[in-house]
Amino acid sequence: DAEHLPFAGGSFDVVSVAFGLRNMTHKEQALAEM
């Protein structure tokens, strides 16, 4: 779930989401997790 990502902080150089953000219930929370 993008709103509760199971990865440690600072794990990635790049995050992508294509045609998926609009389906998320709490977009602010998902973006904060990214």
PDB file of all heavy atoms in Angstrom:
ATOM      1  N   ASP A   1       0.858  -1.176   0.000  1.00  0.00           N
ATOM      2  CA  ASP A   1       0.000   0.000   0.000  1.00  0.00           C
ATOM      3  C   ASP A   1       0.900   1.234   0.000  1.00  0.00           C
ATOM      4  O   ASP A   1       1.734   1.405   0.900  1.00  0.00           O
ATOM      5  CB  ASP A   1      -0.877  -0.040   1.250  1.00  0.00           C
ATOM      6  CG  ASP A   1      -1.847   1.122   1.360  1.00  0.00           C
ATOM      7  OD1 ASP A   1      -1.738   2.083   0.569  1.00  0.00           O
ATOM      8  OD2 ASP A   1      -2.700   1.084   2.256  1.00  0.00           O
ATOM      9  N   ALA A   2       0.718   2.118  -0.967  1.00  0.00           N
ATOM     10  CA  ALA A   2       1.570   3.309  -1.066  1.00  0.00           C
ATOM     11  C   ALA A   2       1.421   4.225   0.146  1.00  0.00           C
ATOM     12  O   ALA A   2       2.320   5.030   0.420  1.00  0.00           O
ATOM     13  CB  ALA A   2       1.238   4.085  -2.337  1.00  0.00           C
ATOM     14  N   GLU A   3       0.323   4.104   0.870  1.00  0.00           N
ATOM     15  CA  GLU A   3       0.133   4.937   2.053  1.00  0.00           C
ATOM     16  C   GLU A   3       0.884   4.410   3.269  1.00  0.00           C
ATOM     17  O   GLU A   3       1.000   5.110   4.287  1.00  0.00           O
ATOM     18  CB  GLU A   3      -1.357   5.073   2.363  1.00  0.00           C
ATOM     19  CG  GLU A   3      -2.133   5.789   1.262  1.00  0.00           C
ATOM     20  CD  GLU A   3      -3.623   5.859   1.539  1.00  0.00           C
ATOM     21  OE1 GLU A   3      -4.006   5.688   2.725  1.00  0.00           O
ATOM     22  OE2 GLU A   3      -4.393   6.080   0.591  1.00  0.00           O
ATOM     23  N   HIS A   4       1.404   3.169   3.160  1.00  0.00           N
ATOM     24  CA  HIS A   4       2.159   2.540   4.254  1.00  0.00           C
ATOM     25  C   HIS A   4       3.268   1.690   3.635  1.00  0.00           C
ATOM     26  O   HIS A   4       3.213   0.461   3.680  1.00  0.00           O
ATOM     27  CB  HIS A   4       1.236   1.676   5.127  1.00  0.00           C
ATOM     28  CG  HIS A   4       0.042   2.407   5.648  1.00  0.00           C
ATOM     29  ND1 HIS A   4       0.099   3.254   6.736  1.00  0.00           N
ATOM     30  CD2 HIS A   4      -1.241   2.432   5.217  1.00  0.00           C
ATOM     31  CE1 HIS A   4      -1.092   3.762   6.964  1.00  0.00           C
ATOM     32  NE2 HIS A   4      -1.934   3.291   6.059  1.00  0.00           N
ATOM     33  N   LEU A   5       4.263   2.329   3.064  1.00  0.00           N
ATOM     34  CA  LEU A   5       5.305   1.606   2.347  1.00  0.00           C
ATOM     35  C   LEU A   5       6.196   0.821   3.312  1.00  0.00           C
ATOM     36  O   LEU A   5       6.670   1.373   4.312  1.00  0.00           O
ATOM     37  CB  LEU A   5       6.162   2.583   1.533  1.00  0.00           C
ATOM     38  CG  LEU A   5       5.451   3.268   0.362  1.00  0.00           C
ATOM     39  CD1 LEU A   5       6.331   4.354  -0.236  1.00  0.00           C
ATOM     40  CD2 LEU A   5       5.059   2.248  -0.700  1.00  0.00           C
ATOM     41  N   PRO A   6       6.474  -0.448   3.021  1.00  0.00           N
ATOM     42  CA  PRO A   6       7.258  -1.299   3.922  1.00  0.00           C
ATOM     43  C   PRO A   6       8.763  -1.205   3.657  1.00  0.00           C
ATOM     44  O   PRO A   6       9.455  -2.227   3.606  1.00  0.00           O
ATOM     45  CB  PRO A   6       6.725  -2.695   3.607  1.00  0.00           C
ATOM     46  CG  PRO A   6       6.424  -2.633   2.141  1.00  0.00           C
ATOM     47  CD  PRO A   6       5.900  -1.219   1.900  1.00  0.00           C
ATOM     48  N   PHE A   7       9.264   0.009   3.506  1.00  0.00           N
ATOM     49  CA  PHE A   7      10.679   0.215   3.207  1.00  0.00           C
ATOM     50  C   PHE A   7      11.251   1.252   4.167  1.00  0.00           C
ATOM     51  O   PHE A   7      10.546   2.172   4.598  1.00  0.00           O
ATOM     52  CB  PHE A   7      10.877   0.681   1.758  1.00  0.00           C
ATOM     53  CG  PHE A   7      10.251  -0.227   0.736  1.00  0.00           C
ATOM     54  CD1 PHE A   7       9.071   0.138   0.086  1.00  0.00           C
ATOM     55  CD2 PHE A   7      10.822  -1.447   0.424  1.00  0.00           C
ATOM     56  CE1 PHE A   7       8.481  -0.691  -0.845  1.00  0.00           C
ATOM     57  CE2 PHE A   7      10.237  -2.296  -0.506  1.00  0.00           C
ATOM     58  CZ  PHE A   7       9.065  -1.919  -1.145  1.00  0.00           C
ATOM     59  N   ALA A   8      12.531   1.096   4.477  1.00  0.00           N
ATOM     60  CA  ALA A   8      13.189   2.030   5.384  1.00  0.00           C
ATOM     61  C   ALA A   8      13.328   3.399   4.730  1.00  0.00           C
ATOM     62  O   ALA A   8      13.360   3.517   3.494  1.00  0.00           O
ATOM     63  CB  ALA A   8      14.566   1.488   5.761  1.00  0.00           C
ATOM     64  N   GLY A   9      13.414   4.434   5.550  1.00  0.00           N
ATOM     65  CA  GLY A   9      13.621   5.776   5.035  1.00  0.00           C
ATOM     66  C   GLY A   9      14.920   5.890   4.273  1.00  0.00           C
ATOM     67  O   GLY A   9      15.919   5.238   4.605  1.00  0.00           O
ATOM     68  N   GLY A  10      14.902   6.698   3.219  1.00  0.00           N
ATOM     69  CA  GLY A  10      16.106   6.931   2.431  1.00  0.00           C
ATOM     70  C   GLY A  10      16.614   5.721   1.669  1.00  0.00           C
ATOM     71  O   GLY A  10      17.809   5.594   1.419  1.00  0.00           O
ATOM     72  N   SER A  11      15.699   4.833   1.254  1.00  0.00           N
ATOM     73  CA  SER A  11      16.106   3.586   0.595  1.00  0.00           C
ATOM     74  C   SER A  11      16.305   3.707  -0.910  1.00  0.00           C
ATOM     75  O   SER A  11      16.955   2.854  -1.517  1.00  0.00           O
ATOM     76  CB  SER A  11      15.057   2.489   0.852  1.00  0.00           C
ATOM     77  OG  SER A  11      14.944   2.181   2.216  1.00  0.00           O
ATOM     78  N   PHE A  12      15.721   4.745  -1.543  1.00  0.00           N
ATOM     79  CA  PHE A  12      15.678   4.778  -2.997  1.00  0.00           C
ATOM     80  C   PHE A  12      16.176   6.109  -3.567  1.00  0.00           C
ATOM     81  O   PHE A  12      16.043   7.159  -2.935  1.00  0.00           O
ATOM     82  CB  PHE A  12      14.246   4.518  -3.487  1.00  0.00           C
ATOM     83  CG  PHE A  12      13.728   3.159  -3.130  1.00  0.00           C
ATOM     84  CD1 PHE A  12      12.952   2.968  -1.988  1.00  0.00           C
ATOM     85  CD2 PHE A  12      14.045   2.062  -3.907  1.00  0.00           C
ATOM     86  CE1 PHE A  12      12.484   1.716  -1.641  1.00  0.00           C
ATOM     87  CE2 PHE A  12      13.591   0.794  -3.580  1.00  0.00           C
ATOM     88  CZ  PHE A  12      12.804   0.614  -2.437  1.00  0.00           C
ATOM     89  N   ASP A  13      16.736   6.007  -4.767  1.00  0.00           N
ATOM     90  CA  ASP A  13      17.153   7.196  -5.514  1.00  0.00           C
ATOM     91  C   ASP A  13      16.005   7.773  -6.329  1.00  0.00           C
ATOM     92  O   ASP A  13      15.949   8.989  -6.561  1.00  0.00           O
ATOM     93  CB  ASP A  13      18.304   6.838  -6.471  1.00  0.00           C
ATOM     94  CG  ASP A  13      19.509   6.287  -5.749  1.00  0.00           C
ATOM     95  OD1 ASP A  13      20.224   7.078  -5.117  1.00  0.00           O
ATOM     96  OD2 ASP A  13      19.717   5.047  -5.803  1.00  0.00           O
ATOM     97  N   VAL A  14      15.107   6.911  -6.768  1.00  0.00           N
ATOM     98  CA  VAL A  14      13.981   7.316  -7.618  1.00  0.00           C
ATOM     99  C   VAL A  14      12.740   6.547  -7.191  1.00  0.00           C
ATOM    100  O   VAL A  14      12.808   5.347  -6.918  1.00  0.00           O
ATOM    101  CB  VAL A  14      14.270   7.038  -9.115  1.00  0.00           C
ATOM    102  CG1 VAL A  14      13.034   7.306  -9.969  1.00  0.00           C
ATOM    103  CG2 VAL A  14      15.454   7.864  -9.607  1.00  0.00           C
ATOM    104  N   VAL A  15      11.605   7.248  -7.126  1.00  0.00           N
ATOM    105  CA  VAL A  15      10.295   6.620  -6.937  1.00  0.00           C
ATOM    106  C   VAL A  15       9.412   7.054  -8.098  1.00  0.00           C
ATOM    107  O   VAL A  15       9.407   8.233  -8.477  1.00  0.00           O
ATOM    108  CB  VAL A  15       9.651   7.022  -5.602  1.00  0.00           C
ATOM    109  CG1 VAL A  15       8.207   6.521  -5.525  1.00  0.00           C
ATOM    110  CG2 VAL A  15      10.452   6.472  -4.424  1.00  0.00           C
ATOM    111  N   SER A  16       8.664   6.118  -8.660  1.00  0.00           N
ATOM    112  CA  SER A  16       7.745   6.449  -9.752  1.00  0.00           C
ATOM    113  C   SER A  16       6.357   5.911  -9.440  1.00  0.00           C
ATOM    114  O   SER A  16       6.204   4.885  -8.763  1.00  0.00           O
ATOM    115  CB  SER A  16       8.239   5.845 -11.077  1.00  0.00           C
ATOM    116  OG  SER A  16       8.239   4.421 -11.015  1.00  0.00           O
ATOM    117  N   VAL A  17       5.356   6.623  -9.918  1.00  0.00           N
ATOM    118  CA  VAL A  17       3.979   6.137  -9.852  1.00  0.00           C
ATOM    119  C   VAL A  17       3.268   6.632 -11.103  1.00  0.00           C
ATOM    120  O   VAL A  17       3.154   7.842 -11.332  1.00  0.00           O
ATOM    121  CB  VAL A  17       3.262   6.577  -8.552  1.00  0.00           C
ATOM    122  CG1 VAL A  17       3.334   8.075  -8.343  1.00  0.00           C
ATOM    123  CG2 VAL A  17       1.813   6.100  -8.545  1.00  0.00           C
ATOM    124  N   ALA A  18       2.823   5.708 -11.931  1.00  0.00           N
ATOM    125  CA  ALA A  18       2.181   6.058 -13.197  1.00  0.00           C
ATOM    126  C   ALA A  18       0.724   5.624 -13.174  1.00  0.00           C
ATOM    127  O   ALA A  18       0.422   4.443 -13.026  1.00  0.00           O
ATOM    128  CB  ALA A  18       2.920   5.400 -14.368  1.00  0.00           C
ATOM    129  N   PHE A  19      -0.159   6.580 -13.293  1.00  0.00           N
ATOM    130  CA  PHE A  19      -1.599   6.341 -13.373  1.00  0.00           C
ATOM    131  C   PHE A  19      -2.119   5.563 -12.158  1.00  0.00           C
ATOM    132  O   PHE A  19      -2.995   4.705 -12.301  1.00  0.00           O
ATOM    133  CB  PHE A  19      -1.949   5.628 -14.687  1.00  0.00           C
ATOM    134  CG  PHE A  19      -1.478   6.369 -15.901  1.00  0.00           C
ATOM    135  CD1 PHE A  19      -0.476   5.855 -16.722  1.00  0.00           C
ATOM    136  CD2 PHE A  19      -1.996   7.613 -16.210  1.00  0.00           C
ATOM    137  CE1 PHE A  19      -0.019   6.555 -17.830  1.00  0.00           C
ATOM    138  CE2 PHE A  19      -1.547   8.321 -17.317  1.00  0.00           C
ATOM    139  CZ  PHE A  19      -0.552   7.788 -18.132  1.00  0.00           C
ATOM    140  N   GLY A  20      -1.556   5.864 -10.990  1.00  0.00           N
ATOM    141  CA  GLY A  20      -1.992   5.190  -9.772  1.00  0.00           C
ATOM    142  C   GLY A  20      -2.357   6.131  -8.649  1.00  0.00           C
ATOM    143  O   GLY A  20      -3.167   5.779  -7.788  1.00  0.00           O
ATOM    144  N   LEU A  21      -1.791   7.327  -8.638  1.00  0.00           N
ATOM    145  CA  LEU A  21      -2.018   8.233  -7.514  1.00  0.00           C
ATOM    146  C   LEU A  21      -3.489   8.601  -7.363  1.00  0.00           C
ATOM    147  O   LEU A  21      -4.004   8.724  -6.248  1.00  0.00           O
ATOM    148  CB  LEU A  21      -1.170   9.498  -7.665  1.00  0.00           C
ATOM    149  CG  LEU A  21      -1.253  10.489  -6.505  1.00  0.00           C
ATOM    150  CD1 LEU A  21      -0.680   9.886  -5.227  1.00  0.00           C
ATOM    151  CD2 LEU A  21      -0.530  11.794  -6.842  1.00  0.00           C
ATOM    152  N   ARG A  22      -4.201   8.766  -8.465  1.00  0.00           N
ATOM    153  CA  ARG A  22      -5.590   9.225  -8.367  1.00  0.00           C
ATOM    154  C   ARG A  22      -6.473   8.185  -7.679  1.00  0.00           C
ATOM    155  O   ARG A  22      -7.560   8.523  -7.187  1.00  0.00           O
ATOM    156  CB  ARG A  22      -6.139   9.567  -9.751  1.00  0.00           C
ATOM    157  CG  ARG A  22      -6.484   8.380 -10.597  1.00  0.00           C
ATOM    158  CD  ARG A  22      -7.040   8.756 -11.957  1.00  0.00           C
ATOM    159  NE  ARG A  22      -7.450   7.565 -12.672  1.00  0.00           N
ATOM    160  CZ  ARG A  22      -6.600   6.727 -13.273  1.00  0.00           C
ATOM    161  NH1 ARG A  22      -5.303   6.965 -13.268  1.00  0.00           N
ATOM    162  NH2 ARG A  22      -7.057   5.646 -13.881  1.00  0.00           N
ATOM    163  N   ASN A  23      -6.050   6.925  -7.629  1.00  0.00           N
ATOM    164  CA  ASN A  23      -6.849   5.880  -6.994  1.00  0.00           C
ATOM    165  C   ASN A  23      -6.585   5.753  -5.498  1.00  0.00           C
ATOM    166  O   ASN A  23      -7.239   4.946  -4.832  1.00  0.00           O
ATOM    167  CB  ASN A  23      -6.563   4.531  -7.668  1.00  0.00           C
ATOM    168  CG  ASN A  23      -6.980   4.506  -9.124  1.00  0.00           C
ATOM    169  OD1 ASN A  23      -8.088   4.901  -9.470  1.00  0.00           O
ATOM    170  ND2 ASN A  23      -6.076   4.068  -9.989  1.00  0.00           N
ATOM    171  N   MET A  24      -5.629   6.512  -4.973  1.00  0.00           N
ATOM    172  CA  MET A  24      -5.274   6.397  -3.562  1.00  0.00           C
ATOM    173  C   MET A  24      -6.196   7.259  -2.713  1.00  0.00           C
ATOM    174  O   MET A  24      -6.518   8.388  -3.077  1.00  0.00           O
ATOM    175  CB  MET A  24      -3.802   6.787  -3.364  1.00  0.00           C
ATOM    176  CG  MET A  24      -2.850   5.868  -4.118  1.00  0.00           C
ATOM    177  SD  MET A  24      -1.129   6.404  -4.035  1.00  0.00           S
ATOM    178  CE  MET A  24      -0.392   5.317  -5.286  1.00  0.00           C
ATOM    179  N   THR A  25      -6.592   6.719  -1.575  1.00  0.00           N
ATOM    180  CA  THR A  25      -7.560   7.408  -0.720  1.00  0.00           C
ATOM    181  C   THR A  25      -6.966   8.659  -0.098  1.00  0.00           C
ATOM    182  O   THR A  25      -7.575   9.730  -0.123  1.00  0.00           O
ATOM    183  CB  THR A  25      -8.055   6.452   0.382  1.00  0.00           C
ATOM    184  OG1 THR A  25      -8.580   5.267  -0.222  1.00  0.00           O
ATOM    185  CG2 THR A  25      -9.146   7.121   1.213  1.00  0.00           C
ATOM    186  N   HIS A  26      -5.771   8.550   0.471  1.00  0.00           N
ATOM    187  CA  HIS A  26      -5.121   9.671   1.144  1.00  0.00           C
ATOM    188  C   HIS A  26      -3.857  10.040   0.365  1.00  0.00           C
ATOM    189  O   HIS A  26      -2.761   9.548   0.646  1.00  0.00           O
ATOM    190  CB  HIS A  26      -4.782   9.312   2.591  1.00  0.00           C
ATOM    191  CG  HIS A  26      -5.961   8.855   3.383  1.00  0.00           C
ATOM    192  ND1 HIS A  26      -6.195   7.530   3.675  1.00  0.00           N
ATOM    193  CD2 HIS A  26      -6.996   9.557   3.931  1.00  0.00           C
ATOM    194  CE1 HIS A  26      -7.304   7.422   4.377  1.00  0.00           C
ATOM    195  NE2 HIS A  26      -7.821   8.630   4.540  1.00  0.00           N
ATOM    196  N   LYS A  27      -4.022  10.886  -0.620  1.00  0.00           N
ATOM    197  CA  LYS A  27      -2.900  11.215  -1.493  1.00  0.00           C
ATOM    198  C   LYS A  27      -1.773  11.919  -0.731  1.00  0.00           C
ATOM    199  O   LYS A  27      -0.595  11.694  -1.020  1.00  0.00           O
ATOM    200  CB  LYS A  27      -3.390  12.094  -2.657  1.00  0.00           C
ATOM    201  CG  LYS A  27      -4.365  11.370  -3.579  1.00  0.00           C
ATOM    202  CD  LYS A  27      -4.927  12.295  -4.629  1.00  0.00           C
ATOM    203  CE  LYS A  27      -5.895  11.548  -5.546  1.00  0.00           C
ATOM    204  NZ  LYS A  27      -7.064  10.998  -4.802  1.00  0.00           N
ATOM    205  N   GLU A  28      -2.134  12.764   0.226  1.00  0.00           N
ATOM    206  CA  GLU A  28      -1.104  13.461   1.003  1.00  0.00           C
ATOM    207  C   GLU A  28      -0.229  12.467   1.755  1.00  0.00           C
ATOM    208  O   GLU A  28       0.990  12.612   1.802  1.00  0.00           O
ATOM    209  CB  GLU A  28      -1.751  14.444   1.995  1.00  0.00           C
ATOM    210  CG  GLU A  28      -2.555  15.553   1.335  1.00  0.00           C
ATOM    211  CD  GLU A  28      -4.020  15.189   1.121  1.00  0.00           C
ATOM    212  OE1 GLU A  28      -4.340  13.970   1.183  1.00  0.00           O
ATOM    213  OE2 GLU A  28      -4.823  16.103   0.885  1.00  0.00           O
ATOM    214  N   GLN A  29      -0.865  11.455   2.341  1.00  0.00           N
ATOM    215  CA  GLN A  29      -0.111  10.444   3.085  1.00  0.00           C
ATOM    216  C   GLN A  29       0.772   9.630   2.149  1.00  0.00           C
ATOM    217  O   GLN A  29       1.925   9.315   2.474  1.00  0.00           O
ATOM    218  CB  GLN A  29      -1.058   9.521   3.844  1.00  0.00           C
ATOM    219  CG  GLN A  29      -0.353   8.479   4.707  1.00  0.00           C
ATOM    220  CD  GLN A  29      -1.314   7.691   5.577  1.00  0.00           C
ATOM    221  OE1 GLN A  29      -2.383   8.192   5.933  1.00  0.00           O
ATOM    222  NE2 GLN A  29      -0.944   6.474   5.919  1.00  0.00           N
ATOM    223  N   ALA A  30       0.234   9.274   0.978  1.00  0.00           N
ATOM    224  CA  ALA A  30       1.029   8.501   0.017  1.00  0.00           C
ATOM    225  C   ALA A  30       2.247   9.299  -0.447  1.00  0.00           C
ATOM    226  O   ALA A  30       3.359   8.770  -0.525  1.00  0.00           O
ATOM    227  CB  ALA A  30       0.167   8.112  -1.177  1.00  0.00           C
ATOM    228  N   LEU A  31       2.058  10.581  -0.743  1.00  0.00           N
ATOM    229  CA  LEU A  31       3.182  11.418  -1.181  1.00  0.00           C
ATOM    230  C   LEU A  31       4.211  11.579  -0.067  1.00  0.00           C
ATOM    231  O   LEU A  31       5.424  11.584  -0.328  1.00  0.00           O
ATOM    232  CB  LEU A  31       2.671  12.777  -1.646  1.00  0.00           C
ATOM    233  CG  LEU A  31       1.870  12.772  -2.952  1.00  0.00           C
ATOM    234  CD1 LEU A  31       1.175  14.111  -3.161  1.00  0.00           C
ATOM    235  CD2 LEU A  31       2.759  12.449  -4.143  1.00  0.00           C
ATOM    236  N   ALA A  32       3.749  11.697   1.179  1.00  0.00           N
ATOM    237  CA  ALA A  32       4.674  11.800   2.308  1.00  0.00           C
ATOM    238  C   ALA A  32       5.487  10.521   2.450  1.00  0.00           C
ATOM    239  O   ALA A  32       6.694  10.561   2.766  1.00  0.00           O
ATOM    240  CB  ALA A  32       3.902  12.091   3.594  1.00  0.00           C
ATOM    241  N   GLU A  33       4.864   9.371   2.218  1.00  0.00           N
ATOM    242  CA  GLU A  33       5.577   8.097   2.271  1.00  0.00           C
ATOM    243  C   GLU A  33       6.616   8.002   1.151  1.00  0.00           C
ATOM    244  O   GLU A  33       7.726   7.501   1.348  1.00  0.00           O
ATOM    245  CB  GLU A  33       4.592   6.930   2.165  1.00  0.00           C
ATOM    246  CG  GLU A  33       3.933   6.548   3.456  1.00  0.00           C
ATOM    247  CD  GLU A  33       4.931   5.870   4.389  1.00  0.00           C
ATOM    248  OE1 GLU A  33       5.093   4.653   4.308  1.00  0.00           O
ATOM    249  OE2 GLU A  33       5.559   6.583   5.202  1.00  0.00           O
ATOM    250  N   MET A  34       6.258   8.484  -0.033  1.00  0.00           N
ATOM    251  CA  MET A  34       7.216   8.482  -1.137  1.00  0.00           C
ATOM    252  C   MET A  34       8.419   9.350  -0.805  1.00  0.00           C
ATOM    253  O   MET A  34       9.564   8.988  -1.103  1.00  0.00           O
ATOM    254  CB  MET A  34       6.522   8.950  -2.422  1.00  0.00           C
ATOM    255  CG  MET A  34       5.422   8.022  -2.907  1.00  0.00           C
ATOM    256  SD  MET A  34       4.508   8.696  -4.334  1.00  0.00           S
ATOM    257  CE  MET A  34       2.942   7.814  -4.190  1.00  0.00           C
TER     258      MET A  34
END
